[in-house]
Amino acid sequence: GSFSNILSPKKFGLKREKLTHLHFYFHDIVSSRNPTAIPVASAASTNKSHTGFGVVMMADDPLTAAPDPNSKLVGKAQGIYASAAQDEVGLLMVMNLAFMEGKYNGSSLSLLGRNTVFSRVREMPIVGGSGLFRFARGYAQAKTHTLDLKTGNAVVEYNVYVFHY
């Protein structure tokens, strides 16, 4: 008995692939009474680094339909981002975009990539998904909407393009 076999995508219920565009705003709140991203690890040298090299943040950031944090909540960005560059602010992003609105409620996309936060537009791969986004692949473009350098709080506009069935 073999442990694998070839399946027909049609028998699996997979029809035509679609390309979906999602547009939302990501709210990263690091300083407030209720932060949505908190540091969980850092190196002894992290506070001497001008890029925060070595800090690892755990995030449960709201995703909203508009830049206003009180606009409709469409999902959460849950995962880790870490400062992975010594010469610029370059983050390693490992995030699940968990949607909770409309037809994508309960579905998620997995983002894994490099985010150079001071670049005008950053592009990061979407490496998979679940629910209606099963077999997803694509990319996310992030563009800073507002960044408060005093608090570190940011609102980032996301345009996500994914192929899925």
Protein backbone atom coordinates (compact mmCIF):
# COMPACT_ATOMS: atom_id res chain seq x y z
CA GLY A 1 0.00 0.00 0.00
CA SER A 2 1.31 3.37 -1.06
CA PHE A 3 1.00 6.36 1.27
CA SER A 4 0.14 8.72 -1.60
CA ASN A 5 -2.07 8.82 -4.67
CA ILE A 6 -2.85 11.27 -7.46
CA LEU A 7 -6.27 12.95 -7.27
CA SER A 8 -8.27 14.81 -9.86
CA PRO A 9 -8.84 18.41 -8.68
CA LYS A 10 -12.39 18.18 -10.13
CA LYS A 11 -13.21 15.16 -7.93
CA PHE A 12 -12.00 17.27 -5.00
CA GLY A 13 -14.64 19.88 -5.85
CA LEU A 14 -12.09 22.36 -7.23
CA LYS A 15 -13.45 24.22 -10.22
CA ARG A 16 -12.00 27.33 -11.84
CA GLU A 17 -9.34 29.37 -10.10
CA LYS A 18 -10.35 32.94 -9.20
CA LEU A 19 -8.25 36.03 -8.60
CA THR A 20 -9.52 38.01 -5.59
CA HIS A 21 -8.49 41.52 -4.51
CA LEU A 22 -8.82 42.40 -0.81
CA HIS A 23 -8.37 45.95 0.49
CA PHE A 24 -8.15 46.77 4.20
CA TYR A 25 -6.23 48.72 6.83
CA PHE A 26 -3.88 47.10 9.37
CA HIS A 27 -3.64 48.79 12.79
CA ASP A 28 -0.40 48.10 14.67
CA ILE A 29 -0.76 49.57 18.17
CA VAL A 30 2.42 49.19 20.21
CA SER A 31 1.84 51.91 22.79
CA SER A 32 -1.52 52.41 24.45
CA ARG A 33 -3.31 50.92 27.40
CA ASN A 34 -4.31 47.99 25.15
CA PRO A 35 -1.48 47.36 22.68
CA THR A 36 -2.23 44.96 19.79
CA ALA A 37 1.47 44.09 19.32
CA ILE A 38 3.82 43.27 22.19
CA PRO A 39 7.53 42.42 22.34
CA VAL A 40 8.06 38.77 23.32
CA ALA A 41 11.85 38.50 22.84
CA SER A 42 14.92 40.59 22.11
CA ALA A 43 18.69 40.38 22.21
CA ALA A 44 20.93 42.14 24.72
CA SER A 45 22.10 44.41 21.88
CA THR A 46 18.58 45.21 20.53
CA ASN A 47 18.18 48.51 22.43
CA LYS A 48 21.56 49.70 21.07
CA SER A 49 20.44 49.00 17.46
CA HIS A 50 18.94 51.88 15.44
CA THR A 51 16.77 49.30 13.62
CA GLY A 52 15.65 47.40 16.74
CA PHE A 53 17.51 44.37 15.33
CA GLY A 54 16.52 41.24 17.22
CA VAL A 55 13.16 42.25 18.66
CA VAL A 56 10.33 39.75 18.14
CA MET A 57 6.76 41.04 18.38
CA MET A 58 3.56 39.04 18.75
CA ALA A 59 0.59 40.74 17.07
CA ASP A 60 -3.18 40.49 17.08
CA ASP A 61 -3.76 43.58 14.96
CA PRO A 62 -7.22 44.67 13.80
CA LEU A 63 -7.93 44.81 10.05
CA THR A 64 -10.58 47.40 9.17
CA ALA A 65 -12.45 48.49 6.04
CA ALA A 66 -11.23 52.11 6.33
CA PRO A 67 -8.26 53.89 7.97
CA ASP A 68 -10.39 54.92 10.98
CA PRO A 69 -9.79 52.34 13.75
CA ASN A 70 -13.52 52.49 14.53
CA SER A 71 -14.51 51.51 10.97
CA LYS A 72 -15.87 48.01 10.29
CA LEU A 73 -13.63 45.22 11.59
CA VAL A 74 -13.01 42.76 8.73
CA GLY A 75 -10.39 40.57 10.40
CA LYS A 76 -7.23 40.28 12.45
CA ALA A 77 -3.56 39.96 11.52
CA GLN A 78 -2.30 37.38 14.00
CA GLY A 79 1.31 36.31 14.16
CA ILE A 80 4.87 37.43 14.57
CA TYR A 81 6.98 40.20 13.13
CA ALA A 82 10.64 40.56 13.95
CA SER A 83 13.38 43.05 13.17
CA ALA A 84 15.67 41.03 10.90
CA ALA A 85 17.92 43.73 9.39
CA GLN A 86 20.83 45.66 10.90
CA ASP A 87 21.13 48.47 8.32
CA GLU A 88 17.45 49.37 7.74
CA VAL A 89 14.12 48.64 9.42
CA GLY A 90 13.42 45.30 7.74
CA LEU A 91 10.87 43.03 9.34
CA LEU A 92 10.32 39.32 8.93
CA MET A 93 6.51 39.00 8.78
CA VAL A 94 4.85 35.68 9.66
CA MET A 95 1.12 36.47 9.82
CA ASN A 96 -2.23 34.82 9.48
CA LEU A 97 -4.80 37.23 8.08
CA ALA A 98 -7.93 35.84 9.75
CA PHE A 99 -11.11 37.23 8.21
CA MET A 100 -14.37 37.63 10.13
CA GLU A 101 -16.61 39.50 7.73
CA GLY A 102 -18.82 38.59 4.76
CA LYS A 103 -18.22 35.49 2.68
CA TYR A 104 -14.61 35.15 3.91
CA ASN A 105 -15.65 34.93 7.59
CA GLY A 106 -13.68 32.01 9.07
CA SER A 107 -11.18 31.88 6.18
CA SER A 108 -7.56 32.98 6.44
CA LEU A 109 -4.49 33.82 4.37
CA SER A 110 -0.89 33.12 5.41
CA LEU A 111 1.61 35.90 4.74
CA LEU A 112 5.35 35.25 4.96
CA GLY A 113 7.83 37.85 3.81
CA ARG A 114 10.08 40.86 4.19
CA ASN A 115 8.67 44.26 5.14
CA THR A 116 11.04 47.23 4.80
CA VAL A 117 8.74 49.62 6.65
CA PHE A 118 10.25 52.87 5.34
CA SER A 119 9.84 51.85 1.68
CA ARG A 120 6.83 53.46 0.01
CA VAL A 121 5.24 50.15 -1.00
CA ARG A 122 6.29 46.75 0.34
CA GLU A 123 5.40 43.49 -1.34
CA MET A 124 5.10 40.25 0.60
CA PRO A 125 4.13 36.75 -0.56
CA ILE A 126 0.85 35.07 0.38
CA VAL A 127 1.94 31.44 0.73
CA GLY A 128 -1.38 29.73 1.43
CA GLY A 129 -4.75 29.91 3.08
CA SER A 130 -7.66 28.08 4.63
CA GLY A 131 -11.42 27.90 4.18
CA LEU A 132 -12.45 29.70 0.98
CA PHE A 133 -8.75 30.56 0.54
CA ARG A 134 -7.62 26.91 0.47
CA PHE A 135 -4.71 26.54 -2.04
CA ALA A 136 -4.28 30.36 -2.10
CA ARG A 137 -1.17 31.98 -3.54
CA GLY A 138 -0.46 35.59 -4.29
CA TYR A 139 0.98 38.73 -2.82
CA ALA A 140 0.21 41.58 -0.44
CA GLN A 141 1.21 45.19 -0.99
CA ALA A 142 1.55 47.30 2.14
CA LYS A 143 1.67 51.09 2.11
CA THR A 144 1.96 53.16 5.29
CA HIS A 145 -1.12 55.32 5.79
CA THR A 146 0.01 56.92 9.07
CA LEU A 147 2.97 56.32 11.36
CA ASP A 148 3.45 58.11 14.68
CA LEU A 149 7.22 58.06 15.29
CA LYS A 150 6.68 59.04 18.95
CA THR A 151 4.41 56.09 19.82
CA GLY A 152 5.39 53.65 17.06
CA ASN A 153 1.69 53.16 16.26
CA ALA A 154 0.92 52.67 12.57
CA VAL A 155 -1.99 52.32 10.18
CA VAL A 156 -1.00 50.45 7.01
CA GLU A 157 -3.06 50.11 3.84
CA TYR A 158 -3.04 46.57 2.42
CA ASN A 159 -3.94 45.47 -1.11
CA VAL A 160 -3.90 41.68 -1.35
CA TYR A 161 -4.20 39.75 -4.61
CA VAL A 162 -4.73 35.98 -4.36
CA PHE A 163 -5.48 33.11 -6.68
CA HIS A 164 -7.74 30.51 -5.06
CA TYR A 165 -10.52 28.08 -6.01
